[in-house]
Amino acid sequence: MNTTDHIVEVSTSHGKIVAEDNERDAPILVLIHGNSSCRRVFDRQSESQLGRTYRLTTFDLPGHGKSDDAIEPERT
């Protein structure tokens, strides 16, 4: 996403999750990455018409990107 996007760390029962949001006043789309990836795979979408039209929220699943590894992997 862009350098002006809002990045937040959220503490959950599964560990710390890192999320990013372009904070547009628009309908929200939550984009979830696949296995062995992270939220950064959506950078191109954020910089495209999609990112200018919608509020995009992405996050790193536990054990991916900047999120913590799962506290209890069998539960997560």
N, C-alpha and C. Protein backbone atom coordinates (compact mmCIF):
# COMPACT_ATOMS: atom_id res chain seq x y z
N MET A 1 0.84 -1.17 0.00
CA MET A 1 0.00 0.00 0.00
C MET A 1 0.89 1.24 0.00
N ASN A 2 0.28 2.37 -0.02
CA ASN A 2 1.03 3.63 -0.08
C ASN A 2 1.63 3.98 1.27
N THR A 3 2.63 4.84 1.26
CA THR A 3 3.28 5.25 2.51
C THR A 3 2.35 6.06 3.40
N THR A 4 1.24 6.57 2.85
CA THR A 4 0.30 7.34 3.66
C THR A 4 -0.75 6.45 4.31
N ASP A 5 -0.74 5.14 4.05
CA ASP A 5 -1.71 4.24 4.63
C ASP A 5 -1.45 4.04 6.12
N HIS A 6 -2.50 3.69 6.80
CA HIS A 6 -2.45 3.51 8.25
C HIS A 6 -2.12 2.05 8.56
N ILE A 7 -1.05 1.82 9.31
CA ILE A 7 -0.65 0.47 9.73
C ILE A 7 -0.89 0.37 11.22
N VAL A 8 -1.50 -0.74 11.64
CA VAL A 8 -1.81 -0.94 13.05
C VAL A 8 -1.46 -2.36 13.46
N GLU A 9 -1.02 -2.51 14.71
CA GLU A 9 -0.79 -3.83 15.29
C GLU A 9 -1.94 -4.12 16.23
N VAL A 10 -2.57 -5.28 16.05
CA VAL A 10 -3.72 -5.66 16.86
C VAL A 10 -3.37 -6.90 17.66
N SER A 11 -3.51 -6.85 18.97
CA SER A 11 -3.28 -8.02 19.81
C SER A 11 -4.52 -8.89 19.81
N THR A 12 -4.35 -10.17 19.48
CA THR A 12 -5.46 -11.11 19.48
C THR A 12 -5.07 -12.34 20.30
N SER A 13 -6.01 -13.23 20.53
CA SER A 13 -5.70 -14.47 21.25
C SER A 13 -4.82 -15.39 20.41
N HIS A 14 -4.61 -15.07 19.14
CA HIS A 14 -3.76 -15.86 18.25
C HIS A 14 -2.37 -15.25 18.11
N GLY A 15 -2.14 -14.08 18.68
CA GLY A 15 -0.88 -13.35 18.56
C GLY A 15 -1.11 -11.98 17.96
N LYS A 16 -0.03 -11.23 17.78
CA LYS A 16 -0.12 -9.88 17.19
C LYS A 16 -0.37 -10.00 15.69
N ILE A 17 -1.38 -9.27 15.20
CA ILE A 17 -1.71 -9.22 13.78
C ILE A 17 -1.42 -7.80 13.29
N VAL A 18 -0.75 -7.69 12.15
CA VAL A 18 -0.47 -6.39 11.56
C VAL A 18 -1.45 -6.16 10.41
N ALA A 19 -2.14 -5.01 10.46
CA ALA A 19 -3.14 -4.67 9.44
C ALA A 19 -2.81 -3.32 8.83
N GLU A 20 -3.31 -3.10 7.62
CA GLU A 20 -3.06 -1.85 6.89
C GLU A 20 -4.36 -1.41 6.24
N ASP A 21 -4.58 -0.10 6.19
CA ASP A 21 -5.84 0.45 5.70
C ASP A 21 -5.56 1.75 4.97
N ASN A 22 -6.18 1.94 3.80
CA ASN A 22 -5.96 3.19 3.06
C ASN A 22 -6.90 4.32 3.52
N GLU A 23 -7.77 4.03 4.47
CA GLU A 23 -8.62 5.01 5.16
C GLU A 23 -9.44 5.89 4.23
N ARG A 24 -9.94 5.35 3.15
CA ARG A 24 -10.82 6.10 2.26
C ARG A 24 -12.23 6.13 2.86
N ASP A 25 -12.98 7.17 2.56
CA ASP A 25 -14.39 7.24 2.94
C ASP A 25 -15.18 6.59 1.80
N ALA A 26 -15.20 5.26 1.80
CA ALA A 26 -15.78 4.49 0.70
C ALA A 26 -16.17 3.11 1.22
N PRO A 27 -16.89 2.33 0.42
CA PRO A 27 -17.19 0.95 0.82
C PRO A 27 -15.88 0.19 1.09
N ILE A 28 -15.93 -0.69 2.07
CA ILE A 28 -14.73 -1.39 2.52
C ILE A 28 -14.58 -2.74 1.82
N LEU A 29 -13.35 -3.03 1.37
CA LEU A 29 -12.99 -4.36 0.87
C LEU A 29 -11.87 -4.88 1.77
N VAL A 30 -12.04 -6.09 2.28
CA VAL A 30 -10.99 -6.74 3.06
C VAL A 30 -10.33 -7.76 2.15
N LEU A 31 -9.03 -7.61 1.95
CA LEU A 31 -8.27 -8.49 1.07
C LEU A 31 -7.42 -9.42 1.93
N ILE A 32 -7.56 -10.74 1.72
CA ILE A 32 -6.86 -11.74 2.52
C ILE A 32 -5.89 -12.51 1.63
N HIS A 33 -4.63 -12.49 2.00
CA HIS A 33 -3.60 -13.16 1.19
C HIS A 33 -3.67 -14.68 1.33
N GLY A 34 -3.02 -15.36 0.40
CA GLY A 34 -2.95 -16.82 0.42
C GLY A 34 -1.77 -17.32 1.24
N ASN A 35 -1.59 -18.63 1.23
CA ASN A 35 -0.52 -19.27 1.99
C ASN A 35 0.86 -18.79 1.50
N SER A 36 1.77 -18.66 2.44
CA SER A 36 3.16 -18.27 2.17
C SER A 36 3.27 -16.89 1.53
N SER A 37 2.38 -15.99 1.87
CA SER A 37 2.39 -14.64 1.33
C SER A 37 2.16 -13.66 2.47
N CYS A 38 1.87 -12.40 2.15
CA CYS A 38 1.58 -11.39 3.16
C CYS A 38 0.73 -10.29 2.54
N ARG A 39 0.34 -9.31 3.34
CA ARG A 39 -0.55 -8.24 2.88
C ARG A 39 0.05 -7.43 1.73
N ARG A 40 1.37 -7.43 1.60
CA ARG A 40 2.04 -6.63 0.57
C ARG A 40 1.73 -7.11 -0.85
N VAL A 41 1.17 -8.31 -1.01
CA VAL A 41 0.82 -8.78 -2.36
C VAL A 41 -0.27 -7.91 -2.97
N PHE A 42 -0.94 -7.10 -2.16
CA PHE A 42 -2.02 -6.25 -2.65
C PHE A 42 -1.58 -4.80 -2.92
N ASP A 43 -0.29 -4.52 -2.91
CA ASP A 43 0.20 -3.16 -3.16
C ASP A 43 -0.27 -2.62 -4.50
N ARG A 44 -0.23 -3.42 -5.54
CA ARG A 44 -0.66 -2.95 -6.87
C ARG A 44 -2.15 -2.60 -6.88
N GLN A 45 -2.96 -3.40 -6.20
CA GLN A 45 -4.39 -3.10 -6.14
C GLN A 45 -4.63 -1.79 -5.40
N SER A 46 -3.87 -1.55 -4.36
CA SER A 46 -4.01 -0.31 -3.60
C SER A 46 -3.71 0.92 -4.44
N GLU A 47 -2.75 0.79 -5.33
CA GLU A 47 -2.35 1.92 -6.17
C GLU A 47 -3.16 2.02 -7.46
N SER A 48 -4.10 1.12 -7.66
CA SER A 48 -4.92 1.09 -8.87
C SER A 48 -6.26 1.81 -8.64
N GLN A 49 -7.11 1.74 -9.62
CA GLN A 49 -8.47 2.30 -9.50
C GLN A 49 -9.22 1.68 -8.32
N LEU A 50 -8.96 0.40 -8.05
CA LEU A 50 -9.61 -0.27 -6.92
C LEU A 50 -9.31 0.46 -5.62
N GLY A 51 -8.05 0.83 -5.42
CA GLY A 51 -7.65 1.54 -4.20
C GLY A 51 -8.16 2.96 -4.14
N ARG A 52 -8.45 3.55 -5.29
CA ARG A 52 -9.00 4.90 -5.30
C ARG A 52 -10.52 4.89 -5.13
N THR A 53 -11.14 3.75 -5.37
CA THR A 53 -12.60 3.64 -5.30
C THR A 53 -13.09 3.09 -3.97
N TYR A 54 -12.30 2.20 -3.37
CA TYR A 54 -12.72 1.50 -2.15
C TYR A 54 -11.75 1.76 -1.00
N ARG A 55 -12.26 1.56 0.19
CA ARG A 55 -11.40 1.52 1.37
C ARG A 55 -10.86 0.09 1.44
N LEU A 56 -9.55 -0.06 1.29
CA LEU A 56 -8.93 -1.38 1.30
C LEU A 56 -8.30 -1.66 2.65
N THR A 57 -8.60 -2.81 3.19
CA THR A 57 -8.00 -3.27 4.44
C THR A 57 -7.32 -4.60 4.16
N THR A 58 -6.06 -4.70 4.51
CA THR A 58 -5.31 -5.94 4.36
C THR A 58 -4.66 -6.26 5.69
N PHE A 59 -4.27 -7.50 5.88
CA PHE A 59 -3.58 -7.88 7.12
C PHE A 59 -2.72 -9.10 6.86
N ASP A 60 -1.72 -9.28 7.72
CA ASP A 60 -0.87 -10.46 7.67
C ASP A 60 -1.46 -11.52 8.58
N LEU A 61 -1.77 -12.68 8.01
CA LEU A 61 -2.25 -13.79 8.82
C LEU A 61 -1.16 -14.22 9.81
N PRO A 62 -1.52 -14.91 10.90
CA PRO A 62 -0.50 -15.35 11.86
C PRO A 62 0.61 -16.13 11.16
N GLY A 63 1.86 -15.79 11.52
CA GLY A 63 3.01 -16.46 10.95
C GLY A 63 3.43 -15.95 9.59
N HIS A 64 2.81 -14.88 9.11
CA HIS A 64 3.11 -14.31 7.80
C HIS A 64 3.45 -12.83 7.95
N GLY A 65 4.26 -12.32 7.02
CA GLY A 65 4.58 -10.90 7.03
C GLY A 65 5.12 -10.45 8.37
N LYS A 66 4.52 -9.38 8.90
CA LYS A 66 4.98 -8.82 10.17
C LYS A 66 4.14 -9.27 11.37
N SER A 67 3.18 -10.15 11.14
CA SER A 67 2.40 -10.69 12.25
C SER A 67 3.22 -11.74 13.00
N ASP A 68 2.88 -11.92 14.28
CA ASP A 68 3.54 -12.94 15.09
C ASP A 68 3.16 -14.33 14.61
N ASP A 69 4.01 -15.30 14.97
CA ASP A 69 3.62 -16.69 14.78
C ASP A 69 2.43 -16.97 15.70
N ALA A 70 1.61 -17.93 15.33
CA ALA A 70 0.45 -18.28 16.15
C ALA A 70 0.91 -18.76 17.53
N ILE A 71 0.23 -18.29 18.56
CA ILE A 71 0.54 -18.70 19.93
C ILE A 71 0.26 -20.19 20.10
N GLU A 72 -0.89 -20.64 19.58
CA GLU A 72 -1.29 -22.05 19.61
C GLU A 72 -1.65 -22.47 18.17
N PRO A 73 -0.66 -22.91 17.39
CA PRO A 73 -0.90 -23.21 15.97
C PRO A 73 -2.06 -24.17 15.73
N GLU A 74 -2.24 -25.16 16.56
CA GLU A 74 -3.32 -26.13 16.35
C GLU A 74 -4.70 -25.47 16.50
N ARG A 75 -4.80 -24.40 17.28
CA ARG A 75 -6.07 -23.68 17.44
C ARG A 75 -6.25 -22.65 16.33
N THR A 76 -5.19 -22.00 15.94
CA THR A 76 -5.25 -20.96 14.93
C THR A 76 -5.49 -21.56 13.57
